[in-house]
Protein backbone atom coordinates (compact mmCIF):
# COMPACT_ATOMS: atom_id res chain seq x y z
CA MET A 1 -47.81 -26.93 -15.81
CA ASP A 2 -47.86 -23.83 -18.00
CA MET A 3 -44.50 -23.95 -19.97
CA GLN A 4 -44.77 -20.25 -21.03
CA LYS A 5 -45.12 -19.16 -17.49
CA LEU A 6 -42.20 -21.19 -16.40
CA LEU A 7 -40.14 -19.79 -19.38
CA ASN A 8 -41.12 -16.34 -18.34
CA GLN A 9 -40.11 -16.87 -14.70
CA ALA A 10 -36.80 -18.35 -15.83
CA MET A 11 -36.16 -15.30 -18.14
CA LYS A 12 -37.14 -12.92 -15.33
CA LEU A 13 -34.69 -14.67 -12.83
CA GLN A 14 -31.97 -14.47 -15.56
CA GLU A 15 -32.46 -10.75 -15.98
CA ASP A 16 -32.61 -10.27 -12.18
CA LEU A 17 -29.33 -12.17 -11.67
CA SER A 18 -27.64 -10.17 -14.53
CA ASN A 19 -28.64 -6.88 -12.96
CA THR A 20 -27.58 -7.97 -9.45
CA GLN A 21 -24.21 -9.04 -10.88
CA LYS A 22 -23.68 -5.66 -12.51
CA GLU A 23 -24.50 -3.89 -9.15
CA LEU A 24 -22.26 -6.16 -7.17
CA ASN A 25 -19.43 -5.78 -9.69
CA GLU A 26 -19.59 -2.04 -9.45
CA HIS A 27 -19.77 -1.98 -5.54
CA THR A 28 -16.62 -1.16 -3.69
CA TYR A 29 -15.55 -3.10 -0.71
CA THR A 30 -12.94 -1.27 1.64
CA GLU A 31 -10.95 -2.66 4.52
CA SER A 32 -8.45 -0.86 6.61
CA MET A 33 -6.03 -1.79 9.35
CA GLY A 34 -3.75 -0.04 11.91
CA GLY A 35 -6.32 2.67 12.63
CA GLY A 36 -6.36 3.59 8.78
CA ALA A 37 -2.57 3.26 8.33
CA VAL A 38 -3.38 0.86 5.42
CA SER A 39 -6.65 0.68 3.51
CA VAL A 40 -7.58 -1.26 0.40
CA SER A 41 -10.57 -0.84 -1.79
CA LEU A 42 -11.71 -3.58 -4.20
CA LEU A 43 -14.53 -3.75 -6.75
CA GLY A 44 -16.95 -6.67 -6.86
CA THR A 45 -15.11 -7.85 -9.95
CA MET A 46 -12.18 -8.48 -7.61
CA GLN A 47 -9.98 -5.67 -9.00
CA VAL A 48 -8.31 -3.47 -6.57
CA SER A 49 -9.42 0.04 -7.11
CA ASP A 50 -7.38 1.90 -4.40
CA ILE A 51 -4.64 1.40 -1.94
CA HIS A 52 -3.81 4.02 0.84
CA ILE A 53 -0.70 3.71 2.90
CA SER A 54 0.12 6.22 5.50
CA ASP A 55 3.47 8.01 5.56
CA GLU A 56 4.60 6.30 8.65
CA MET A 57 4.00 2.88 7.16
CA MET A 58 6.40 3.85 4.29
CA ASP A 59 9.36 3.81 6.74
CA PRO A 60 11.63 0.77 5.68
CA GLU A 61 11.37 -0.45 9.28
CA ASN A 62 7.75 -1.03 8.90
CA ARG A 63 8.05 -3.19 5.61
CA GLU A 64 6.99 -6.36 7.19
CA ASP A 65 4.06 -4.84 8.99
CA LEU A 66 2.93 -3.09 5.74
CA GLN A 67 3.14 -6.24 3.72
CA ASP A 68 1.08 -8.18 6.49
CA MET A 69 -1.57 -5.35 6.62
CA LEU A 70 -1.78 -5.34 2.82
CA ILE A 71 -2.33 -9.11 2.61
CA SER A 72 -4.93 -8.90 5.38
CA CYS A 73 -6.83 -5.96 3.96
CA LEU A 74 -7.10 -7.60 0.59
CA ASN A 75 -8.09 -10.93 1.95
CA LYS A 76 -10.75 -9.39 4.15
CA ALA A 77 -12.11 -7.26 1.36
CA ILE A 78 -12.26 -10.37 -1.02
CA GLU A 79 -14.18 -12.32 1.73
CA LYS A 80 -16.51 -9.50 2.20
CA ALA A 81 -17.18 -9.36 -1.51
CA LYS A 82 -17.74 -13.09 -1.83
CA ALA A 83 -19.99 -13.29 1.11
CA GLU A 84 -22.12 -10.52 -0.18
CA LYS A 85 -22.42 -12.30 -3.61
CA GLU A 86 -23.24 -15.62 -2.05
CA GLU A 87 -26.01 -13.81 0.23
CA LYS A 88 -27.55 -12.11 -2.77
CA MET A 89 -27.53 -15.31 -4.80
CA LYS A 90 -29.26 -17.29 -1.93
CA SER A 91 -31.89 -14.83 -1.49
CA MET A 92 -32.63 -14.55 -5.27
CA THR A 93 -32.73 -18.20 -5.96
CA GLY A 94 -34.13 -19.50 -2.65
CA GLY A 95 -30.92 -21.26 -1.97
CA MET A 96 -30.94 -23.25 -5.25
CA ASN A 97 -27.30 -23.44 -6.75
CA ILE A 98 -27.28 -22.19 -10.28
CA PRO A 99 -23.85 -22.79 -11.83
CA GLY A 100 -22.06 -19.70 -13.26
CA ALA A 101 -24.78 -17.25 -12.03
CA PHE A 102 -22.08 -15.29 -10.05
């Protein structure tokens, strides 16, 4: 087994993982509910980058619906971001679990 070749492969994988992590962190995941009455955008870093609430949802009578929609949108966006990260990781590592990679 050629140790230099193995080391080069590991360094390339580390570089590829780092580049993919950067791309995923900059990607925006958006979810909406109620026909666009509420939408949430989230970066791959799991930071919320935008929330849109339509005027009709601002009515105090819609408070509970608005809260439920925001929670649902945020959870769906988080799930989408995590799923994409996991899929990218599996494709890059052949399913091998590398702790701390993402």
